[in-house]
């Protein structure tokens, strides 16, 4: 019953995103999405064996204090949030989720290559061909029929399990190299 209620609430958020945008800023809505994404994602047991989910913001931070207001003091699956702003690829090892905004395509490729097989959920902020390049979640334009896209193949490749309940709400993208 609890999972059903969470799914219904998530679906309502997705279906009413344009209406919600009138009441909340774009990044307040995206922060709520990120919070809820974590409810439907399973990391490998040996990677997320602590009591904290580390959400890292790489370079550009469009959220300001919104993430702290949305997440600090709240738990997801018994884990508290820690928000970290990072400026270097050397700092990504501590991340469970990594948010990228206003980053060039060549830098995206470099970052995804650097992550390799580490189970880090990468989240793009309306980045062109992000999921097709191996990113896991990408927010889409408010004018899209879906609010976000997911590359399930990329998630599977690094040991991240995304619930079918979340996949139902997403546009599914496949890796570029899978194309003929």
C-alpha atoms as a PDB file:
ATOM      1  CA  UNK A   1       0.000   0.000   0.000  1.00  0.00           C
ATOM      2  CA  UNK A   2       2.843   2.412   0.876  1.00  0.00           C
ATOM      3  CA  UNK A   3       4.602   1.730  -2.443  1.00  0.00           C
ATOM      4  CA  UNK A   4       1.322   2.264  -4.282  1.00  0.00           C
ATOM      5  CA  UNK A   5       0.863   5.646  -2.589  1.00  0.00           C
ATOM      6  CA  UNK A   6       4.435   6.679  -3.454  1.00  0.00           C
ATOM      7  CA  UNK A   7       3.882   5.659  -7.069  1.00  0.00           C
ATOM      8  CA  UNK A   8       0.607   7.578  -7.268  1.00  0.00           C
ATOM      9  CA  UNK A   9       2.238  10.665  -5.742  1.00  0.00           C
ATOM     10  CA  UNK A  10       5.141  10.433  -8.181  1.00  0.00           C
ATOM     11  CA  UNK A  11       2.773  10.050 -11.122  1.00  0.00           C
ATOM     12  CA  UNK A  12       0.775  13.082  -9.996  1.00  0.00           C
ATOM     13  CA  UNK A  13       3.999  15.096  -9.767  1.00  0.00           C
ATOM     14  CA  UNK A  14       4.939  14.024 -13.293  1.00  0.00           C
ATOM     15  CA  UNK A  15       1.539  14.702 -14.785  1.00  0.00           C
ATOM     16  CA  UNK A  16       1.170  18.084 -13.151  1.00  0.00           C
ATOM     17  CA  UNK A  17       4.731  19.356 -13.579  1.00  0.00           C
ATOM     18  CA  UNK A  18       3.686  22.315 -15.710  1.00  0.00           C
ATOM     19  CA  UNK A  19       1.042  23.320 -13.210  1.00  0.00           C
ATOM     20  CA  UNK A  20       3.486  22.805 -10.332  1.00  0.00           C
ATOM     21  CA  UNK A  21       6.003  25.069 -12.051  1.00  0.00           C
ATOM     22  CA  UNK A  22       3.573  27.946 -11.515  1.00  0.00           C
ATOM     23  CA  UNK A  23       3.852  27.413  -7.747  1.00  0.00           C
ATOM     24  CA  UNK A  24       7.434  26.172  -7.412  1.00  0.00           C
ATOM     25  CA  UNK A  25      10.649  27.053  -9.183  1.00  0.00           C
ATOM     26  CA  UNK A  26      12.121  24.701 -11.774  1.00  0.00           C
ATOM     27  CA  UNK A  27      14.857  23.639  -9.372  1.00  0.00           C
ATOM     28  CA  UNK A  28      12.503  23.081  -6.441  1.00  0.00           C
ATOM     29  CA  UNK A  29      10.647  20.605  -8.670  1.00  0.00           C
ATOM     30  CA  UNK A  30      13.921  18.988  -9.830  1.00  0.00           C
ATOM     31  CA  UNK A  31      15.116  18.665  -6.215  1.00  0.00           C
ATOM     32  CA  UNK A  32      11.874  16.845  -5.360  1.00  0.00           C
ATOM     33  CA  UNK A  33      12.380  14.537  -8.331  1.00  0.00           C
ATOM     34  CA  UNK A  34      15.946  13.722  -7.257  1.00  0.00           C
ATOM     35  CA  UNK A  35      14.738  12.994  -3.728  1.00  0.00           C
ATOM     36  CA  UNK A  36      12.120  10.627  -5.140  1.00  0.00           C
ATOM     37  CA  UNK A  37      14.479   9.008  -7.664  1.00  0.00           C
ATOM     38  CA  UNK A  38      16.504   7.657  -4.740  1.00  0.00           C
ATOM     39  CA  UNK A  39      13.424   5.813  -3.446  1.00  0.00           C
ATOM     40  CA  UNK A  40      13.313   3.740  -6.626  1.00  0.00           C
ATOM     41  CA  UNK A  41      17.027   3.054  -7.122  1.00  0.00           C
ATOM     42  CA  UNK A  42      19.057   0.236  -5.600  1.00  0.00           C
ATOM     43  CA  UNK A  43      22.828   0.522  -5.450  1.00  0.00           C
ATOM     44  CA  UNK A  44      25.093  -2.520  -5.035  1.00  0.00           C
ATOM     45  CA  UNK A  45      25.129  -3.495  -1.353  1.00  0.00           C
ATOM     46  CA  UNK A  46      28.868  -2.977  -1.002  1.00  0.00           C
ATOM     47  CA  UNK A  47      28.668   0.561  -2.418  1.00  0.00           C
ATOM     48  CA  UNK A  48      25.797   1.980  -0.391  1.00  0.00           C
ATOM     49  CA  UNK A  49      26.536   0.230   2.888  1.00  0.00           C
ATOM     50  CA  UNK A  50      26.586   3.409   4.913  1.00  0.00           C
ATOM     51  CA  UNK A  51      23.732   5.422   6.387  1.00  0.00           C
ATOM     52  CA  UNK A  52      24.168   8.361   3.988  1.00  0.00           C
ATOM     53  CA  UNK A  53      23.355   9.070   0.333  1.00  0.00           C
ATOM     54  CA  UNK A  54      25.882  11.508  -1.122  1.00  0.00           C
ATOM     55  CA  UNK A  55      24.416  13.809  -3.769  1.00  0.00           C
ATOM     56  CA  UNK A  56      27.181  15.692  -5.536  1.00  0.00           C
ATOM     57  CA  UNK A  57      26.718  18.765  -7.702  1.00  0.00           C
ATOM     58  CA  UNK A  58      29.492  19.061 -10.289  1.00  0.00           C
ATOM     59  CA  UNK A  59      30.764  22.590 -10.969  1.00  0.00           C
ATOM     60  CA  UNK A  60      27.679  24.694 -11.830  1.00  0.00           C
ATOM     61  CA  UNK A  61      25.056  24.666  -9.052  1.00  0.00           C
ATOM     62  CA  UNK A  62      21.658  25.951 -10.188  1.00  0.00           C
ATOM     63  CA  UNK A  63      19.997  24.903  -6.904  1.00  0.00           C
ATOM     64  CA  UNK A  64      21.496  27.299  -4.379  1.00  0.00           C
ATOM     65  CA  UNK A  65      20.082  26.254  -0.995  1.00  0.00           C
ATOM     66  CA  UNK A  66      17.091  24.403  -2.489  1.00  0.00           C
ATOM     67  CA  UNK A  67      18.664  20.947  -2.122  1.00  0.00           C
ATOM     68  CA  UNK A  68      19.429  21.482   1.550  1.00  0.00           C
ATOM     69  CA  UNK A  69      15.879  22.742   2.175  1.00  0.00           C
ATOM     70  CA  UNK A  70      14.432  19.735   0.325  1.00  0.00           C
ATOM     71  CA  UNK A  71      16.626  16.926   1.629  1.00  0.00           C
ATOM     72  CA  UNK A  72      18.519  17.674   4.816  1.00  0.00           C
ATOM     73  CA  UNK A  73      16.818  16.059   7.803  1.00  0.00           C
ATOM     74  CA  UNK A  74      14.800  13.712   5.597  1.00  0.00           C
ATOM     75  CA  UNK A  75      15.570  10.059   4.932  1.00  0.00           C
ATOM     76  CA  UNK A  76      15.227   7.777   1.932  1.00  0.00           C
ATOM     77  CA  UNK A  77      15.144   4.073   2.685  1.00  0.00           C
ATOM     78  CA  UNK A  78      16.614   4.806   6.126  1.00  0.00           C
ATOM     79  CA  UNK A  79      19.500   6.886   4.765  1.00  0.00           C
ATOM     80  CA  UNK A  80      20.127  10.593   5.321  1.00  0.00           C
ATOM     81  CA  UNK A  81      21.271  12.990   2.590  1.00  0.00           C
ATOM     82  CA  UNK A  82      24.618  14.734   2.337  1.00  0.00           C
ATOM     83  CA  UNK A  83      24.872  17.431  -0.348  1.00  0.00           C
ATOM     84  CA  UNK A  84      28.367  18.128  -1.689  1.00  0.00           C
ATOM     85  CA  UNK A  85      29.510  20.611  -4.323  1.00  0.00           C
ATOM     86  CA  UNK A  86      32.533  19.349  -6.222  1.00  0.00           C
ATOM     87  CA  UNK A  87      34.800  21.039  -8.740  1.00  0.00           C
ATOM     88  CA  UNK A  88      37.082  18.186  -9.780  1.00  0.00           C
ATOM     89  CA  UNK A  89      36.766  14.696 -11.261  1.00  0.00           C
ATOM     90  CA  UNK A  90      38.966  13.490  -8.394  1.00  0.00           C
ATOM     91  CA  UNK A  91      36.097  14.116  -5.967  1.00  0.00           C
ATOM     92  CA  UNK A  92      33.438  11.917  -7.617  1.00  0.00           C
ATOM     93  CA  UNK A  93      34.379   8.701  -5.808  1.00  0.00           C
ATOM     94  CA  UNK A  94      32.350   9.707  -2.758  1.00  0.00           C
ATOM     95  CA  UNK A  95      29.172  10.339  -4.781  1.00  0.00           C
ATOM     96  CA  UNK A  96      26.124   8.088  -5.026  1.00  0.00           C
ATOM     97  CA  UNK A  97      24.286  10.563  -7.251  1.00  0.00           C
ATOM     98  CA  UNK A  98      26.018  13.172  -9.416  1.00  0.00           C
ATOM     99  CA  UNK A  99      24.110  16.143 -10.863  1.00  0.00           C
ATOM    100  CA  UNK A 100      25.499  17.878 -13.959  1.00  0.00           C
ATOM    101  CA  UNK A 101      24.285  21.184 -15.345  1.00  0.00           C
ATOM    102  CA  UNK A 102      25.600  23.468 -18.087  1.00  0.00           C
ATOM    103  CA  UNK A 103      28.472  21.179 -19.004  1.00  0.00           C
ATOM    104  CA  UNK A 104      29.905  20.721 -22.497  1.00  0.00           C
ATOM    105  CA  UNK A 105      29.514  17.422 -24.366  1.00  0.00           C
ATOM    106  CA  UNK A 106      33.250  16.633 -24.402  1.00  0.00           C
ATOM    107  CA  UNK A 107      33.339  17.162 -20.630  1.00  0.00           C
ATOM    108  CA  UNK A 108      30.331  14.861 -20.190  1.00  0.00           C
ATOM    109  CA  UNK A 109      32.141  12.122 -22.123  1.00  0.00           C
ATOM    110  CA  UNK A 110      35.319  12.644 -20.068  1.00  0.00           C
ATOM    111  CA  UNK A 111      33.340  12.526 -16.824  1.00  0.00           C
ATOM    112  CA  UNK A 112      31.393   9.384 -17.798  1.00  0.00           C
ATOM    113  CA  UNK A 113      34.647   7.680 -18.840  1.00  0.00           C
ATOM    114  CA  UNK A 114      36.191   8.672 -15.506  1.00  0.00           C
ATOM    115  CA  UNK A 115      33.239   7.183 -13.619  1.00  0.00           C
ATOM    116  CA  UNK A 116      33.625   3.952 -15.573  1.00  0.00           C
ATOM    117  CA  UNK A 117      31.893   1.127 -13.732  1.00  0.00           C
ATOM    118  CA  UNK A 118      31.493   2.960 -10.415  1.00  0.00           C
ATOM    119  CA  UNK A 119      27.835   2.760  -9.338  1.00  0.00           C
ATOM    120  CA  UNK A 120      27.155   6.500  -9.480  1.00  0.00           C
ATOM    121  CA  UNK A 121      23.750   7.631 -10.706  1.00  0.00           C
ATOM    122  CA  UNK A 122      24.508  10.491 -13.087  1.00  0.00           C
ATOM    123  CA  UNK A 123      21.738  13.063 -13.515  1.00  0.00           C
ATOM    124  CA  UNK A 124      21.868  15.553 -16.369  1.00  0.00           C
ATOM    125  CA  UNK A 125      20.021  18.853 -16.410  1.00  0.00           C
ATOM    126  CA  UNK A 126      18.531  18.873 -19.921  1.00  0.00           C
ATOM    127  CA  UNK A 127      21.911  17.965 -21.421  1.00  0.00           C
ATOM    128  CA  UNK A 128      21.924  17.044 -25.142  1.00  0.00           C
ATOM    129  CA  UNK A 129      22.445  13.302 -25.797  1.00  0.00           C
ATOM    130  CA  UNK A 130      23.331  12.737 -22.128  1.00  0.00           C
ATOM    131  CA  UNK A 131      21.594   9.380 -21.720  1.00  0.00           C
ATOM    132  CA  UNK A 132      22.621   8.282 -25.214  1.00  0.00           C
ATOM    133  CA  UNK A 133      26.241   8.883 -24.158  1.00  0.00           C
ATOM    134  CA  UNK A 134      25.937   6.688 -21.064  1.00  0.00           C
ATOM    135  CA  UNK A 135      24.396   9.049 -18.493  1.00  0.00           C
ATOM    136  CA  UNK A 136      21.655   7.447 -16.405  1.00  0.00           C
ATOM    137  CA  UNK A 137      18.949  10.099 -15.862  1.00  0.00           C
ATOM    138  CA  UNK A 138      18.414  13.331 -17.766  1.00  0.00           C
ATOM    139  CA  UNK A 139      15.794  15.940 -17.024  1.00  0.00           C
ATOM    140  CA  UNK A 140      13.959  16.926 -20.184  1.00  0.00           C
ATOM    141  CA  UNK A 141      12.496  20.209 -21.323  1.00  0.00           C
ATOM    142  CA  UNK A 142       9.206  21.190 -19.702  1.00  0.00           C
ATOM    143  CA  UNK A 143       7.644  20.888 -23.160  1.00  0.00           C
ATOM    144  CA  UNK A 144       8.543  17.184 -23.487  1.00  0.00           C
ATOM    145  CA  UNK A 145       5.920  14.503 -23.067  1.00  0.00           C
ATOM    146  CA  UNK A 146       7.999  13.062 -20.179  1.00  0.00           C
ATOM    147  CA  UNK A 147       9.829  14.979 -17.461  1.00  0.00           C
ATOM    148  CA  UNK A 148      12.953  12.816 -17.519  1.00  0.00           C
ATOM    149  CA  UNK A 149      14.723  10.121 -19.509  1.00  0.00           C
ATOM    150  CA  UNK A 150      16.525   7.039 -18.195  1.00  0.00           C
ATOM    151  CA  UNK A 151      19.199   4.876 -19.793  1.00  0.00           C
ATOM    152  CA  UNK A 152      18.475   1.545 -18.092  1.00  0.00           C
ATOM    153  CA  UNK A 153      21.286  -0.198 -20.005  1.00  0.00           C
ATOM    154  CA  UNK A 154      23.828   2.252 -18.545  1.00  0.00           C
ATOM    155  CA  UNK A 155      22.416   1.701 -15.045  1.00  0.00           C
ATOM    156  CA  UNK A 156      22.504  -2.092 -15.428  1.00  0.00           C
ATOM    157  CA  UNK A 157      26.085  -1.893 -16.709  1.00  0.00           C
ATOM    158  CA  UNK A 158      27.299  -0.369 -13.428  1.00  0.00           C
ATOM    159  CA  UNK A 159      25.133  -2.478 -11.101  1.00  0.00           C
ATOM    160  CA  UNK A 160      22.396   0.084 -10.457  1.00  0.00           C
ATOM    161  CA  UNK A 161      18.872  -1.349 -10.323  1.00  0.00           C
ATOM    162  CA  UNK A 162      16.064   1.055 -11.243  1.00  0.00           C
ATOM    163  CA  UNK A 163      12.561   0.058 -10.217  1.00  0.00           C
ATOM    164  CA  UNK A 164      10.089  -0.632 -13.022  1.00  0.00           C
ATOM    165  CA  UNK A 165       7.789   1.832 -11.237  1.00  0.00           C
ATOM    166  CA  UNK A 166      10.221   4.658 -12.006  1.00  0.00           C
ATOM    167  CA  UNK A 167      10.900   3.381 -15.519  1.00  0.00           C
ATOM    168  CA  UNK A 168       7.167   3.606 -16.305  1.00  0.00           C
ATOM    169  CA  UNK A 169       7.350   7.372 -15.802  1.00  0.00           C
ATOM    170  CA  UNK A 170      10.464   7.890 -17.944  1.00  0.00           C
ATOM    171  CA  UNK A 171      11.374   8.059 -21.582  1.00  0.00           C
ATOM    172  CA  UNK A 172      13.712   5.093 -22.057  1.00  0.00           C
ATOM    173  CA  UNK A 173      16.968   5.840 -23.892  1.00  0.00           C
ATOM    174  CA  UNK A 174      19.538   3.384 -25.184  1.00  0.00           C
ATOM    175  CA  UNK A 175      23.310   3.800 -25.441  1.00  0.00           C
ATOM    176  CA  UNK A 176      24.563   5.430 -28.650  1.00  0.00           C
ATOM    177  CA  UNK A 177      26.830   2.488 -29.404  1.00  0.00           C
ATOM    178  CA  UNK A 178      23.807   0.157 -29.447  1.00  0.00           C
ATOM    179  CA  UNK A 179      22.507   1.876 -32.569  1.00  0.00           C
ATOM    180  CA  UNK A 180      23.103   0.336 -36.012  1.00  0.00           C
END
